[in-house]
Every structure is written in structure tokens, then in C-alpha cells.
């Protein structure tokens, strides 16, 4: 009897050990997944949340041995929150930011050099993202980010995306000048009182129109531009073009066409446009394809068309995309972050999965066009756009696709392409200049304060903050860059 009890006890013990071993093995398997944390602008939708927890999580675990955590931050707080989190060394492995601020990002230790990571973990990416594109995010010969949007890019940010349906409803056919925009807004205000006017002051498209030579922004906070003809750096806020922009925008404010939200909540311009209650927003090539679904969700009959003011002036390819994906210097898992980026670009299947979800559930492809089955935005298409993989929706006219694909055929390459200013020698000056730009000149640019009285005072502050020394340092680096080409 005792022997029988002992055998039963031994059997129970062995089962217990087996269960514990199984649990241990399960925990050990989970521990094998390396975590990658992405800091991401926007809101987490229900479907995106489900996708990240299920299909995407399964794919990352199976293909890369990764557990990907996405920290969403609302657009209005994104840049401030990004700076706070990275300064505090919170665990962030990958984030998105503006390419023009690359030197600031690097000098704040928010971006590490990626050359070794690309060499080891990014070779598939290089098949569809040429090295020339990556060189758009270099400082002193080192790559510090993955530029977003490898696609036609001439006249970047110089276009305006207009509610074409309303434009035609008020008796107009197209937009060629700032005066056309003013007339459009005035007619729309009278005929469609529910509309709230422009979603954006579009100062870069306006600058294109008013400038004698085309400008390319090459420093933080839009402080300095490169003259495409003169090959010189200029203080943007002191150019005649800026002054004309400010005067025009002041007239728009005085006419009741602009609202204060356009400056106070500047970064919400795309969100405003997608409410279906606004007339135009700054565009880039393909902007109408990016936002039309959002606009039509609130205004079903809406149509968007993108215009280039002063179309006869040359278009320049000035940057390898306008944004950049960065890996912080103190990222816990930089290898995992690079593996993830590389995975997205490894194949069109991966690319579509990350950007559009599950085929047959979230999208389907019919006759080479992508049909969204759910309204959910997954990882932003514009953030990873690649012309080798890009597909267009069923409602995009073939003529627009043809224009898109041939857009850069007649464009000129800016001599500043690939130049990235290193602000190391003038960081304190840059900080002071950004404060003046944010507190004084942004309001003047938007037309919300009297130009005649406010502009001279703001320029005095800009001079006192060191704009001349700042421009001189940029010019010195620019001359070295141009001499080495």
C-alpha cells in the first residue's frame, strides 16, 4: 500500500515538474522575442490596435523574432513629447521627424549613425531605396536616418491641394496665383457659409510665386534658404519674397478669410482639411491621393486637385523626402529597429501588409489597383512610400498617375541636394533664432499681426539673436559642400 502511494506521489511530482518545465519553456520562448519600441504620431484606431496585437505581432515574431510596441502620441504634442522622451532616455528605438532638422536631431543625440546597421541589417532595403536617397540624411559623410518617401519629389511643399468641387461650384476652373486663392475663398464664403476657409496659410507655395529665384529651405525653423540661381544662403525672413507673403497673408486675415487656428494649431492643418470643411492645404505630389478618403468620409462628394503656383518657374529636386526615420543614440535595440525597416522594404507583400493590413480583410488588389476594405490607417503610407511598390486606389484617374510617375522628368536637381547643415558651432544662436521665429515671425508670416509695425521689430530681434552669424556659418559649410561636388 505504501509502495502504491509512493508511486502515485512520484507520478504527481513528475506531472508537476513537466508542467513547470512547460511553463518555463513558454516564458523562455517569450523572452527570445526582442522588443522594438516605435514612437509614432497620431491616434490608435481600434483596428490598428487589433492589428498590432494580432496579425502584425504574429508576423514580427515569426519573421524577425521581434515584439513591436508602438507608442502613439497625438499630432499636437508629438514633437514636444519626442524631445522630452528622448532627453529622458526613455526606451525608444525608432521614431519619425523632419529631415530639415537633421543637424539638431544629431546634436541632441536623438539619431545615431546608421552606416554599420545598414551594412549588417539593411541590405534588402537598399534594393528599393538607393544610396542616393539615404545620402539625403548624411552629415559629415555618415548616414543618420532613413529618408521617408522615395517618390517623385520636385517642388516639394510648393503645391496647394484645393477642394476642386467647391472651386468649380463657385464658377472657377483652376488656381494659378495668390489672387486666385483669394477670389476662391471670397466666393466660397458667400456661397458656402458652412465652410471655414483655408486649412493652411501655404507660405511655401506663396514663396515660390513671389520669389525672383527659387528657394530651398536648408536650416531649422525655416530660418535660411538656398537660392537656386545665386547658390547663396539667405535669411528667409529678410527676403523680399517673405515680405510679400506676409503682406498677402495680412490682407487675407483682414478680409476675414484666415482664422487664428492656422498659426496656433499649425500642425493640425491636414486634420482640418480632412473634416471636409476647409478649402485648401499645402500639398506635395500625390497629396490628393493621401487625404481624399479622409475628406470624403466627412464630405462624400469632395474632389481634391493639386496646383503649382507659378507653374512656369522651374521645379527643383531639393531633398530625399521631407521626413526621416531616426534611431536614437540610446536606443535599447537599434539592430531590431533596422531589421524592422529592412523587413518592410524587403518585398511588396511586406510593404502592403505594414501599410494596409491583411489582404482580403483590410484591402484587396484588383487590376493593379488597391481597394481598401476598411477605413483604417495602418502605418502611414506617406511615411514609407516607395515608388517600387506603390499602388494607387481605384478612384485615382490614370492621367493623374501618369503625371505622378513623370513628374520629375523635367525637373532640375538642386545643387544643394544632399547638403545637411551641422549646427554644432551655432547651437545657442540657433536656439535664440528659433524662439524669435516661433514667437514673432510665425504670426507675421500668417498675417495675424500688423505687418508694418511688427515686422521691423521682429527683424531687430532676429539680428540681435545672431541671424547674420548663423547665415555666415551655413554659407561656409555650403561653400565647402559645393566645392566638393
Protein backbone atom coordinates (compact mmCIF):
# COMPACT_ATOMS: atom_id res chain seq x y z
CA UNK A 1 0.00 0.00 0.00
CA UNK A 2 2.79 2.35 0.93
CA UNK A 3 4.54 1.44 -2.31
CA UNK A 4 1.36 2.26 -4.26
CA UNK A 5 1.02 5.66 -2.53
CA UNK A 6 4.67 6.38 -3.19
CA UNK A 7 4.24 5.57 -6.89
CA UNK A 8 1.18 7.86 -7.13
CA UNK A 9 3.08 10.65 -5.38
CA UNK A 10 6.04 10.17 -7.73
CA UNK A 11 3.71 10.31 -10.74
CA UNK A 12 2.11 13.52 -9.49
CA UNK A 13 5.54 15.01 -8.88
CA UNK A 14 6.64 14.14 -12.40
CA UNK A 15 3.49 15.75 -13.86
CA UNK A 16 4.12 18.84 -11.74
CA UNK A 17 7.73 19.05 -12.95
CA UNK A 18 6.54 18.58 -16.54
CA UNK A 19 4.02 21.42 -16.19
CA UNK A 20 6.64 23.67 -14.61
CA UNK A 21 9.05 22.84 -17.39
CA UNK A 22 6.39 23.65 -19.93
CA UNK A 23 5.71 26.98 -18.27
CA UNK A 24 9.42 27.64 -18.05
CA UNK A 25 9.79 26.82 -21.71
CA UNK A 26 6.91 29.14 -22.58
CA UNK A 27 8.48 32.01 -20.68
CA UNK A 28 11.83 31.29 -22.22
CA UNK A 29 10.24 31.33 -25.69
CA UNK A 30 8.61 34.66 -24.97
CA UNK A 31 11.90 36.03 -23.68
CA UNK A 32 13.50 35.22 -27.01
CA UNK A 33 11.43 37.96 -28.63
CA UNK A 34 13.39 41.21 -28.64
CA UNK A 35 11.32 44.35 -28.07
CA UNK A 36 11.37 47.25 -30.52
CA UNK A 37 9.59 50.42 -29.42
CA UNK A 38 8.34 52.90 -32.03
CA UNK A 39 7.35 56.47 -31.14
CA UNK A 40 4.56 57.33 -33.54
CA UNK A 41 2.42 60.42 -34.25
CA UNK A 42 -1.37 60.14 -34.35
CA UNK A 43 -4.17 58.19 -32.72
CA UNK A 44 -4.51 54.42 -32.31
CA UNK A 45 -7.67 53.20 -34.04
CA UNK A 46 -9.47 50.06 -32.87
CA UNK A 47 -8.48 48.11 -35.99
CA UNK A 48 -4.87 49.30 -35.80
CA UNK A 49 -4.76 48.22 -32.17
CA UNK A 50 -6.17 44.79 -33.08
CA UNK A 51 -3.71 44.51 -35.98
CA UNK A 52 -0.70 45.34 -33.81
CA UNK A 53 -1.73 42.85 -31.14
CA UNK A 54 -2.56 40.02 -33.50
CA UNK A 55 -1.61 39.73 -37.19
CA UNK A 56 1.33 42.14 -37.04
CA UNK A 57 2.60 40.72 -33.75
CA UNK A 58 2.48 37.18 -35.16
CA UNK A 59 4.32 38.24 -38.31
CA UNK A 60 7.04 40.08 -36.38
CA UNK A 61 7.55 37.15 -34.05
CA UNK A 62 7.73 34.61 -36.87
CA UNK A 63 9.85 36.58 -39.32
CA UNK A 64 12.10 38.67 -37.08
CA UNK A 65 11.81 37.37 -33.53
CA UNK A 66 10.58 40.82 -32.51
CA UNK A 67 7.86 42.17 -30.28
CA UNK A 68 6.95 45.62 -31.65
CA UNK A 69 5.44 48.15 -29.28
CA UNK A 70 4.03 51.36 -30.77
CA UNK A 71 3.70 54.42 -28.55
CA UNK A 72 1.13 56.77 -30.13
CA UNK A 73 1.34 60.48 -29.37
CA UNK A 74 -1.29 62.93 -30.71
CA UNK A 75 -0.02 65.14 -33.51
CA UNK A 76 -0.35 68.35 -31.49
CA UNK A 77 2.03 67.05 -28.79
CA UNK A 78 4.27 64.84 -30.89
CA UNK A 79 7.43 66.92 -31.32
CA UNK A 80 7.47 68.21 -27.75
CA UNK A 81 6.83 64.74 -26.37
CA UNK A 82 9.51 63.27 -28.62
CA UNK A 83 12.12 65.69 -27.25
CA UNK A 84 11.08 65.00 -23.66
CA UNK A 85 11.13 61.21 -24.04
CA UNK A 86 14.47 61.10 -25.85
CA UNK A 87 16.10 63.56 -23.43
CA UNK A 88 14.96 61.30 -20.56
CA UNK A 89 16.42 58.23 -22.33
CA UNK A 90 13.06 56.52 -22.37
CA UNK A 91 13.16 53.27 -24.37
CA UNK A 92 12.57 54.39 -27.96
CA UNK A 93 14.16 52.50 -30.84
CA UNK A 94 12.59 54.22 -33.83
CA UNK A 95 10.77 57.49 -34.47
CA UNK A 96 9.82 59.90 -37.26
CA UNK A 97 10.83 63.55 -37.63
CA UNK A 98 11.53 66.32 -40.14
CA UNK A 99 14.60 65.90 -42.32
CA UNK A 100 15.42 69.66 -42.40
CA UNK A 101 16.15 69.47 -38.66
CA UNK A 102 18.65 66.63 -39.04
CA UNK A 103 21.59 68.51 -37.54
CA UNK A 104 19.53 69.46 -34.48
CA UNK A 105 18.41 65.85 -34.11
CA UNK A 106 22.00 64.60 -34.36
CA UNK A 107 23.46 67.15 -31.97
CA UNK A 108 20.76 66.35 -29.41
CA UNK A 109 21.91 62.72 -29.70
CA UNK A 110 18.46 61.79 -31.00
CA UNK A 111 19.90 59.95 -34.00
CA UNK A 112 22.83 57.57 -34.27
CA UNK A 113 24.97 56.94 -37.34
CA UNK A 114 23.37 54.05 -39.21
CA UNK A 115 26.11 53.00 -41.64
CA UNK A 116 27.11 49.86 -39.73
CA UNK A 117 23.49 48.89 -39.05
CA UNK A 118 22.60 49.28 -42.73
CA UNK A 119 25.61 47.23 -43.72
CA UNK A 120 24.62 44.38 -41.39
CA UNK A 121 20.83 44.51 -41.33
CA UNK A 122 19.64 46.78 -44.16
CA UNK A 123 20.77 45.18 -47.39
CA UNK A 124 17.29 44.22 -48.61
CA UNK A 125 16.21 47.83 -48.12
CA UNK A 126 18.95 49.03 -50.47
CA UNK A 127 17.36 47.09 -53.34
CA UNK A 128 14.48 49.59 -53.44
CA UNK A 129 15.93 52.56 -51.55
CA UNK A 130 19.03 53.73 -53.45
CA UNK A 131 22.06 55.01 -51.61
CA UNK A 132 21.49 58.44 -53.17
CA UNK A 133 18.24 58.62 -51.22
CA UNK A 134 19.99 57.71 -47.98
CA UNK A 135 22.68 60.31 -48.62
CA UNK A 136 19.97 62.91 -48.18
CA UNK A 137 20.26 62.20 -44.44
CA UNK A 138 24.02 62.45 -44.09
CA UNK A 139 26.22 64.74 -42.01
CA UNK A 140 29.99 64.59 -42.45
CA UNK A 141 29.58 61.53 -44.65
CA UNK A 142 27.63 59.47 -42.11
CA UNK A 143 24.00 58.39 -42.54
CA UNK A 144 21.83 59.43 -39.59
CA UNK A 145 18.36 58.49 -40.79
CA UNK A 146 16.22 56.76 -43.40
CA UNK A 147 14.56 59.48 -45.51
CA UNK A 148 10.86 58.86 -45.95
CA UNK A 149 9.02 58.75 -49.25
CA UNK A 150 11.20 57.59 -52.14
CA UNK A 151 8.99 59.01 -54.85
CA UNK A 152 8.80 61.92 -57.31
CA UNK A 153 9.62 64.99 -55.22
CA UNK A 154 10.37 68.12 -57.25
CA UNK A 155 8.72 71.31 -55.94
CA UNK A 156 8.32 69.58 -52.58
CA UNK A 157 5.84 71.53 -50.39
CA UNK A 158 5.35 74.17 -53.08
CA UNK A 159 1.93 72.91 -54.18
CA UNK A 160 -1.55 73.61 -52.88
CA UNK A 161 -4.28 70.96 -52.60
CA UNK A 162 -7.67 72.54 -53.32
CA UNK A 163 -11.30 71.45 -52.94
CA UNK A 164 -11.87 71.26 -56.69
CA UNK A 165 -15.57 70.51 -56.34
CA UNK A 166 -16.16 73.77 -54.48
CA UNK A 167 -13.83 75.68 -56.80
CA UNK A 168 -15.96 74.65 -59.77
CA UNK A 169 -19.19 75.24 -57.85
CA UNK A 170 -18.27 78.91 -57.38
CA UNK A 171 -17.55 79.33 -61.08
CA UNK A 172 -13.77 78.87 -61.19
CA UNK A 173 -11.76 76.22 -63.04
CA UNK A 174 -8.20 76.41 -61.70
CA UNK A 175 -5.76 78.24 -59.43
CA UNK A 176 -2.62 79.93 -60.75
CA UNK A 177 -1.93 82.90 -58.47
CA UNK A 178 -2.43 84.03 -54.85
CA UNK A 179 -5.18 86.30 -56.13
CA UNK A 180 -6.98 83.25 -57.48
CA UNK A 181 -6.90 81.77 -53.98
CA UNK A 182 -8.26 84.99 -52.51
CA UNK A 183 -11.09 85.05 -55.06
CA UNK A 184 -11.87 81.38 -54.43
CA UNK A 185 -12.07 81.93 -50.68
CA UNK A 186 -14.28 85.00 -51.05
CA UNK A 187 -16.72 83.26 -53.39
CA UNK A 188 -16.83 80.13 -51.23
CA UNK A 189 -17.51 82.21 -48.11
CA UNK A 190 -20.50 83.80 -49.80
CA UNK A 191 -21.89 80.67 -51.45
CA UNK A 192 -20.99 78.03 -48.84
CA UNK A 193 -21.22 79.73 -45.42
CA UNK A 194 -20.71 76.39 -43.65
CA UNK A 195 -17.15 76.22 -44.99
CA UNK A 196 -14.46 77.56 -42.66
CA UNK A 197 -12.00 78.90 -45.21
CA UNK A 198 -8.42 77.72 -45.83
CA UNK A 199 -6.92 74.99 -43.64
CA UNK A 200 -3.43 76.38 -44.15
CA UNK A 201 -1.56 79.60 -44.99
CA UNK A 202 0.62 77.68 -47.51
CA UNK A 203 3.61 80.02 -47.13
CA UNK A 204 5.97 77.85 -49.18
CA UNK A 205 3.74 77.78 -52.27
CA UNK A 206 3.33 81.53 -51.87
CA UNK A 207 7.09 81.97 -51.55
CA UNK A 208 7.53 80.09 -54.81
CA UNK A 209 5.21 82.57 -56.51
CA UNK A 210 6.80 85.73 -55.12
CA UNK A 211 10.50 84.76 -55.22
CA UNK A 212 12.71 86.01 -58.07
CA UNK A 213 14.75 82.81 -57.80
CA UNK A 214 13.58 79.52 -56.37
CA UNK A 215 14.41 78.83 -52.73
CA UNK A 216 15.16 75.62 -50.88
CA UNK A 217 14.94 75.61 -47.07
CA UNK A 218 18.19 74.38 -45.52
CA UNK A 219 18.00 75.12 -41.78
CA UNK A 220 15.79 74.66 -38.72
CA UNK A 221 12.51 76.56 -38.30
CA UNK A 222 12.64 77.70 -41.93
CA UNK A 223 15.30 80.23 -40.96
CA UNK A 224 17.56 80.01 -44.01
CA UNK A 225 17.01 79.32 -47.71
CA UNK A 226 19.32 78.37 -50.56
CA UNK A 227 19.00 80.43 -53.73
CA UNK A 228 18.97 78.08 -56.70
CA UNK A 229 20.44 80.69 -59.08
CA UNK A 230 22.83 82.53 -56.79
CA UNK A 231 23.96 79.42 -54.86
CA UNK A 232 23.85 81.54 -51.71
CA UNK A 233 22.27 81.17 -48.29
CA UNK A 234 19.78 83.84 -47.22
CA UNK A 235 17.89 84.70 -44.08
CA UNK A 236 14.42 83.72 -45.26
CA UNK A 237 12.55 86.20 -43.09
CA UNK A 238 14.55 89.05 -44.59
CA UNK A 239 13.89 88.15 -48.23
CA UNK A 240 11.56 90.22 -50.37
CA UNK A 241 9.59 87.06 -51.08
CA UNK A 242 8.83 86.58 -47.38
CA UNK A 243 7.72 90.18 -47.08
CA UNK A 244 5.30 89.72 -49.97
CA UNK A 245 3.98 86.51 -48.39
CA UNK A 246 3.43 88.32 -45.08
CA UNK A 247 1.62 91.22 -46.76
CA UNK A 248 -0.63 88.88 -48.72
CA UNK A 249 -1.48 86.86 -45.64
CA UNK A 250 -2.19 90.01 -43.66
CA UNK A 251 -4.68 91.03 -46.31
CA UNK A 252 -6.30 87.59 -46.07
CA UNK A 253 -6.63 87.93 -42.29
CA UNK A 254 -8.06 91.42 -42.55
CA UNK A 255 -10.61 90.14 -45.07
CA UNK A 256 -11.75 87.53 -42.55
CA UNK A 257 -10.52 84.63 -44.71
CA UNK A 258 -7.86 83.32 -42.29
CA UNK A 259 -8.57 82.18 -38.74
CA UNK A 260 -6.15 82.14 -35.82
CA UNK A 261 -6.13 78.34 -35.76
CA UNK A 262 -3.89 78.40 -38.82
CA UNK A 263 -1.00 79.62 -36.67
CA UNK A 264 -1.96 78.49 -33.18
CA UNK A 265 -2.66 74.93 -34.37
CA UNK A 266 -0.44 74.94 -37.46
CA UNK A 267 0.40 71.22 -37.28
CA UNK A 268 -3.27 70.28 -37.41
CA UNK A 269 -3.70 71.60 -40.96
CA UNK A 270 -4.13 68.16 -42.57
CA UNK A 271 -6.60 67.16 -39.87
CA UNK A 272 -8.56 70.34 -40.53
CA UNK A 273 -8.65 69.66 -44.25
CA UNK A 274 -9.99 66.16 -43.69
CA UNK A 275 -13.01 67.44 -41.78
CA UNK A 276 -14.41 68.40 -45.18
CA UNK A 277 -14.98 71.99 -44.05
CA UNK A 278 -11.87 73.69 -45.46
CA UNK A 279 -10.80 74.89 -48.89
CA UNK A 280 -7.10 74.17 -49.28
CA UNK A 281 -3.94 72.92 -47.61
CA UNK A 282 -0.26 72.88 -48.53
CA UNK A 283 0.36 69.99 -50.88
CA UNK A 284 3.00 67.76 -52.28
CA UNK A 285 2.79 65.50 -55.27
CA UNK A 286 0.10 62.92 -54.60
CA UNK A 287 -1.38 64.83 -51.66
CA UNK A 288 -4.88 64.46 -53.02
CA UNK A 289 -4.46 60.68 -53.01
CA UNK A 290 -3.32 60.76 -49.39
CA UNK A 291 -6.18 62.79 -47.97
CA UNK A 292 -9.17 62.20 -50.24
CA UNK A 293 -10.56 59.25 -48.25
CA UNK A 294 -10.45 61.29 -45.05
CA UNK A 295 -12.11 64.28 -46.71
CA UNK A 296 -14.82 62.15 -48.34
CA UNK A 297 -15.60 60.46 -45.04
CA UNK A 298 -16.98 63.85 -43.97
CA UNK A 299 -17.85 65.35 -47.38
CA UNK A 300 -18.83 62.44 -49.67
CA UNK A 301 -18.89 64.47 -52.88
CA UNK A 302 -15.50 66.09 -52.35
CA UNK A 303 -12.82 66.25 -55.01
CA UNK A 304 -9.22 67.37 -54.43
CA UNK A 305 -6.85 68.75 -57.04
CA UNK A 306 -3.26 69.90 -56.52
CA UNK A 307 -1.94 73.07 -58.15
CA UNK A 308 1.54 74.53 -58.56
CA UNK A 309 1.56 78.32 -58.34
CA UNK A 310 3.81 79.98 -60.93
CA UNK A 311 3.86 76.75 -62.87
CA UNK A 312 6.18 78.25 -65.48
CA UNK A 313 9.02 78.59 -62.96
CA UNK A 314 11.50 75.68 -62.70
CA UNK A 315 10.91 72.79 -60.35
CA UNK A 316 13.84 71.55 -58.30
CA UNK A 317 14.51 68.24 -56.63
CA UNK A 318 15.77 69.54 -53.32
CA UNK A 319 15.60 66.74 -50.77
CA UNK A 320 15.43 63.00 -50.38
CA UNK A 321 11.96 63.16 -48.92
CA UNK A 322 10.87 65.75 -46.39
CA UNK A 323 10.96 63.49 -43.34
CA UNK A 324 13.26 60.94 -41.80
CA UNK A 325 13.12 57.81 -39.64
CA UNK A 326 15.67 58.01 -36.85
CA UNK A 327 17.16 55.60 -34.33
CA UNK A 328 18.20 57.35 -31.08
CA UNK A 329 21.78 57.14 -29.82
CA UNK A 330 20.50 55.45 -26.66
CA UNK A 331 18.03 53.12 -28.37
CA UNK A 332 17.81 49.81 -26.45
CA UNK A 333 17.52 47.79 -29.65
CA UNK A 334 18.88 49.63 -32.71
CA UNK A 335 19.51 46.35 -34.52
CA UNK A 336 15.85 45.38 -34.14
CA UNK A 337 14.74 48.79 -35.43
CA UNK A 338 16.87 48.42 -38.55
CA UNK A 339 15.66 44.85 -39.06
CA UNK A 340 12.07 46.12 -38.96
CA UNK A 341 12.71 48.87 -41.54
CA UNK A 342 14.57 46.41 -43.73
CA UNK A 343 11.69 43.91 -43.44
CA UNK A 344 9.11 46.46 -44.61
CA UNK A 345 11.14 47.20 -47.74
CA UNK A 346 12.19 43.60 -48.38
CA UNK A 347 9.13 42.79 -50.51
CA UNK A 348 5.93 44.34 -51.77
CA UNK A 349 3.96 41.84 -49.69
CA UNK A 350 5.65 43.07 -46.51
CA UNK A 351 5.21 46.70 -47.58
CA UNK A 352 1.50 46.32 -48.26
CA UNK A 353 0.98 44.35 -45.05
CA UNK A 354 2.54 47.09 -42.91
CA UNK A 355 0.75 49.94 -44.66
CA UNK A 356 -2.63 48.42 -45.50
CA UNK A 357 -3.15 45.43 -43.19
CA UNK A 358 -4.30 41.95 -44.15
CA UNK A 359 -5.11 41.19 -47.78
CA UNK A 360 -8.69 40.03 -48.13
CA UNK A 361 -9.64 41.59 -44.80
CA UNK A 362 -8.35 45.15 -44.95
CA UNK A 363 -7.59 45.50 -48.65
CA UNK A 364 -7.66 43.71 -51.97
CA UNK A 365 -5.86 44.26 -55.26
CA UNK A 366 -7.98 44.35 -58.41
CA UNK A 367 -6.44 45.07 -61.82
CA UNK A 368 -3.34 46.51 -60.22
CA UNK A 369 -5.29 48.95 -58.02
CA UNK A 370 -5.51 48.75 -54.24
CA UNK A 371 -9.06 48.70 -52.82
CA UNK A 372 -9.34 49.46 -49.09
CA UNK A 373 -11.94 47.29 -47.39
CA UNK A 374 -11.69 49.16 -44.09
CA UNK A 375 -11.19 52.91 -43.49
CA UNK A 376 -8.37 52.23 -41.03
CA UNK A 377 -4.97 53.83 -41.47
CA UNK A 378 -2.23 51.39 -40.55
CA UNK A 379 1.39 52.57 -40.67
CA UNK A 380 1.21 55.81 -42.67
CA UNK A 381 1.68 55.20 -46.38
CA UNK A 382 3.44 58.55 -46.86
CA UNK A 383 5.95 57.68 -44.16
CA UNK A 384 7.21 54.59 -46.02
CA UNK A 385 6.18 55.39 -49.58
CA UNK A 386 8.36 53.70 -52.18
CA UNK A 387 7.86 54.08 -55.91
CA UNK A 388 8.93 50.48 -56.49
CA UNK A 389 5.97 49.17 -54.50
CA UNK A 390 3.40 51.97 -54.55
CA UNK A 391 -0.14 51.16 -55.69
CA UNK A 392 -2.98 53.55 -56.42
CA UNK A 393 -6.63 53.42 -55.44
CA UNK A 394 -9.44 52.67 -57.90
CA UNK A 395 -10.68 56.27 -57.94
CA UNK A 396 -7.34 57.81 -58.94
CA UNK A 397 -7.55 58.85 -62.61
CA UNK A 398 -4.95 57.26 -64.86
CA UNK A 399 -3.99 60.74 -66.07
CA UNK A 400 -3.04 61.67 -62.51
CA UNK A 401 -0.98 58.51 -62.12
CA UNK A 402 0.81 59.25 -65.38
CA UNK A 403 1.51 62.82 -64.22
CA UNK A 404 2.78 61.50 -60.90
CA UNK A 405 5.13 58.97 -62.49
CA UNK A 406 6.57 61.52 -64.92
CA UNK A 407 6.64 64.48 -62.52
CA UNK A 408 10.41 64.63 -62.10
CA UNK A 409 11.22 64.06 -65.77
CA UNK A 410 11.56 67.80 -66.47
CA UNK A 411 12.78 68.77 -63.00
CA UNK A 412 16.21 70.15 -62.16
CA UNK A 413 18.46 68.74 -59.45
CA UNK A 414 19.25 71.37 -56.87
CA UNK A 415 22.95 71.92 -56.29
CA UNK A 416 22.10 71.78 -52.59
CA UNK A 417 20.75 68.23 -52.86
CA UNK A 418 22.42 66.21 -50.12
CA UNK A 419 23.58 69.25 -48.11
CA UNK A 420 22.88 68.98 -44.39
CA UNK A 421 23.86 71.86 -42.16
CA UNK A 422 25.76 70.93 -39.00
CA UNK A 423 24.68 73.41 -36.31
CA UNK A 424 27.32 72.33 -33.79
CA UNK A 425 29.14 75.71 -33.90
CA UNK A 426 26.00 77.83 -33.57
CA UNK A 427 23.62 75.81 -31.39
CA UNK A 428 22.98 78.64 -28.90
CA UNK A 429 22.37 81.10 -31.72
CA UNK A 430 20.01 78.68 -33.41
CA UNK A 431 18.01 78.26 -30.22
CA UNK A 432 17.64 82.04 -29.88
CA UNK A 433 16.65 82.38 -33.53
CA UNK A 434 14.04 79.65 -33.28
CA UNK A 435 12.47 81.47 -30.36
CA UNK A 436 12.17 84.69 -32.36
CA UNK A 437 10.82 82.77 -35.35
CA UNK A 438 8.22 80.97 -33.23
CA UNK A 439 7.09 83.91 -31.13
CA UNK A 440 7.29 86.80 -33.59
CA UNK A 441 7.80 85.84 -37.20
CA UNK A 442 5.30 82.97 -37.39
CA UNK A 443 2.48 85.39 -36.57
CA UNK A 444 3.76 87.87 -39.16
CA UNK A 445 4.05 85.10 -41.75
CA UNK A 446 0.46 84.10 -41.07
CA UNK A 447 -0.87 87.65 -41.25
CA UNK A 448 -2.24 87.75 -37.69
CA UNK A 449 -0.38 90.89 -36.64
CA UNK A 450 0.09 94.21 -38.42
CA UNK A 451 2.96 93.81 -40.84
CA UNK A 452 4.03 97.45 -40.98
CA UNK A 453 4.57 97.75 -37.24
CA UNK A 454 5.51 94.18 -36.24
CA UNK A 455 7.97 93.27 -38.99
CA UNK A 456 10.74 95.83 -38.27
CA UNK A 457 10.68 94.95 -34.58
CA UNK A 458 10.89 91.22 -35.31
CA UNK A 459 13.83 91.69 -37.67
CA UNK A 460 15.67 93.68 -34.99
CA UNK A 461 15.18 90.73 -32.63
CA UNK A 462 16.37 88.33 -35.33
CA UNK A 463 19.52 90.42 -35.84
CA UNK A 464 20.15 90.61 -32.10
CA UNK A 465 19.76 86.83 -31.83
CA UNK A 466 22.59 86.34 -34.36
CA UNK A 467 20.99 85.64 -37.74
CA UNK A 468 23.94 87.10 -39.68
CA UNK A 469 26.46 84.86 -37.92
CA UNK A 470 24.15 81.91 -38.40
CA UNK A 471 23.78 82.50 -42.13
CA UNK A 472 27.55 83.00 -42.45
CA UNK A 473 28.20 79.60 -40.86
CA UNK A 474 25.71 77.95 -43.19
CA UNK A 475 27.32 79.69 -46.16
CA UNK A 476 30.76 78.47 -45.07
CA UNK A 477 29.57 74.86 -44.91
CA UNK A 478 27.59 75.29 -48.12
CA UNK A 479 30.65 76.57 -49.99
CA UNK A 480 32.66 73.55 -48.80
CA UNK A 481 29.87 71.23 -49.88
CA UNK A 482 29.53 72.80 -53.32
CA UNK A 483 33.29 72.81 -53.84
CA UNK A 484 33.41 69.10 -53.09
CA UNK A 485 30.70 68.10 -55.58
